[in-house]
Amino acid sequence: MKKRQVFFEMGLLLISILFGVGVVGSTFTSEGNKNAGFVKEATVIELEKRVQVRPEDLPEKVRNALNNKSYAGWTISDAYLVVADDGGQYYELVVRKADEQSRMKINKEGQVLN
């Protein structure tokens, strides 16, 4: 009785494996690859360039933007000059106050953009 049960279970396992191989195999046929949407080539379009700037080298108007009451107590930890593909530029500042951190975008005239 046990031999029949083991044989039956092995048969079910073998049928399951063969069925699974058939399903997986049909997914990767040449027709399946066309429909799978694989990317063979990609074009990278750079929309902006970031250059790190030392906080002390920022224009005075940009540094003074933190003198506003809304930003009292915040200090600049990192700064970047961001140049967009269209030629526009702004400064991205990483600012900290105690345990908080935030990012600010400021144009060269000292106006906060975000």
Protein backbone atom coordinates (compact mmCIF):
# COMPACT_ATOMS: atom_id res chain seq x y z
CA MET A 1 0.00 0.00 0.00
CA LYS A 2 2.78 2.46 0.85
CA LYS A 3 4.61 1.76 -2.43
CA ARG A 4 1.50 2.75 -4.39
CA GLN A 5 1.10 5.97 -2.41
CA VAL A 6 4.78 6.91 -2.91
CA PHE A 7 4.51 6.10 -6.63
CA PHE A 8 1.34 8.19 -6.91
CA GLU A 9 2.94 11.14 -5.08
CA MET A 10 6.07 10.92 -7.27
CA GLY A 11 3.86 10.87 -10.36
CA LEU A 12 2.00 13.97 -9.22
CA LEU A 13 5.30 15.71 -8.49
CA LEU A 14 6.67 14.78 -11.93
CA ILE A 15 3.52 16.01 -13.68
CA SER A 16 3.65 19.27 -11.70
CA ILE A 17 7.28 19.83 -12.64
CA LEU A 18 6.65 19.13 -16.32
CA PHE A 19 3.64 21.45 -16.35
CA GLY A 20 5.67 24.18 -14.69
CA VAL A 21 8.50 23.81 -17.20
CA GLY A 22 5.96 24.05 -20.01
CA VAL A 23 4.47 27.26 -18.64
CA VAL A 24 7.87 28.87 -18.05
CA GLY A 25 9.15 27.70 -21.43
CA SER A 26 6.20 29.18 -23.29
CA THR A 27 6.76 32.51 -21.57
CA PHE A 28 10.28 32.78 -22.99
CA THR A 29 9.59 31.93 -26.62
CA SER A 30 10.64 34.46 -29.23
CA GLU A 31 7.06 35.73 -29.36
CA GLY A 32 7.02 36.08 -25.57
CA ASN A 33 10.19 38.17 -25.61
CA LYS A 34 8.63 40.68 -28.00
CA ASN A 35 5.70 41.16 -25.68
CA ALA A 36 7.68 41.14 -22.45
CA GLY A 37 8.81 44.75 -22.89
CA PHE A 38 12.51 44.25 -22.17
CA VAL A 39 14.62 47.38 -22.65
CA LYS A 40 17.59 46.67 -24.89
CA GLU A 41 18.82 50.24 -25.23
CA ALA A 42 18.25 53.32 -23.16
CA THR A 43 18.93 56.97 -23.76
CA VAL A 44 19.91 59.01 -20.73
CA ILE A 45 18.84 62.62 -20.87
CA GLU A 46 20.56 64.81 -18.36
CA LEU A 47 18.12 67.50 -17.29
CA GLU A 48 20.31 69.30 -14.81
CA LYS A 49 23.85 69.41 -13.48
CA ARG A 50 24.71 69.78 -9.80
CA VAL A 51 28.00 71.16 -8.58
CA GLN A 52 28.78 71.17 -4.89
CA VAL A 53 29.63 74.59 -3.48
CA ARG A 54 31.15 75.34 -0.09
CA PRO A 55 28.60 77.25 2.00
CA GLU A 56 31.07 80.09 2.58
CA ASP A 57 31.46 80.48 -1.21
CA LEU A 58 27.73 81.07 -1.81
CA PRO A 59 26.70 84.53 -3.04
CA GLU A 60 25.87 86.88 -0.20
CA LYS A 61 22.22 87.19 -1.26
CA VAL A 62 21.83 83.41 -1.09
CA ARG A 63 23.42 83.19 2.36
CA ASN A 64 21.29 86.10 3.59
CA ALA A 65 18.10 84.24 2.65
CA LEU A 66 18.48 82.36 5.95
CA ASN A 67 18.31 85.66 7.86
CA ASN A 68 14.55 85.74 7.29
CA LYS A 69 12.53 85.07 10.48
CA SER A 70 11.12 81.89 8.93
CA TYR A 71 14.61 80.39 8.75
CA ALA A 72 16.08 81.68 12.00
CA GLY A 73 18.36 79.11 13.61
CA TRP A 74 18.89 77.08 10.43
CA THR A 75 22.45 76.55 9.17
CA ILE A 76 23.69 75.42 5.77
CA SER A 77 25.35 72.01 5.86
CA ASP A 78 25.62 71.37 2.09
CA ALA A 79 25.10 73.55 -0.96
CA TYR A 80 24.85 72.86 -4.68
CA LEU A 81 24.62 75.01 -7.76
CA VAL A 82 22.06 73.39 -10.04
CA VAL A 83 22.12 74.27 -13.73
CA ALA A 84 19.10 73.11 -15.70
CA ASP A 85 19.34 71.98 -19.32
CA ASP A 86 17.56 75.17 -20.40
CA GLY A 87 20.30 77.30 -18.77
CA GLY A 88 18.31 78.28 -15.67
CA GLN A 89 20.09 77.91 -12.37
CA TYR A 90 19.43 77.94 -8.65
CA TYR A 91 21.14 76.92 -5.44
CA GLU A 92 19.96 73.87 -3.54
CA LEU A 93 20.79 74.12 0.15
CA VAL A 94 20.66 71.36 2.72
CA VAL A 95 19.87 73.15 5.96
CA ARG A 96 19.80 71.87 9.55
CA LYS A 97 18.28 73.02 12.80
CA ALA A 98 18.80 70.77 15.83
CA ASP A 99 17.64 67.28 14.71
CA GLU A 100 15.76 68.56 11.67
CA GLN A 101 17.00 68.69 8.09
CA SER A 102 15.43 70.30 5.04
CA ARG A 103 16.25 71.31 1.47
CA MET A 104 15.77 74.75 0.01
CA LYS A 105 15.95 76.05 -3.54
CA ILE A 106 17.10 79.65 -3.80
CA ASN A 107 17.83 81.72 -6.91
CA LYS A 108 20.91 83.94 -7.18
CA GLU A 109 18.86 86.94 -6.01
CA GLY A 110 18.12 85.23 -2.68
CA GLN A 111 14.47 84.38 -3.39
CA VAL A 112 13.31 81.05 -1.93
CA LEU A 113 11.78 78.96 -4.75
CA ASN A 114 10.17 76.20 -2.71
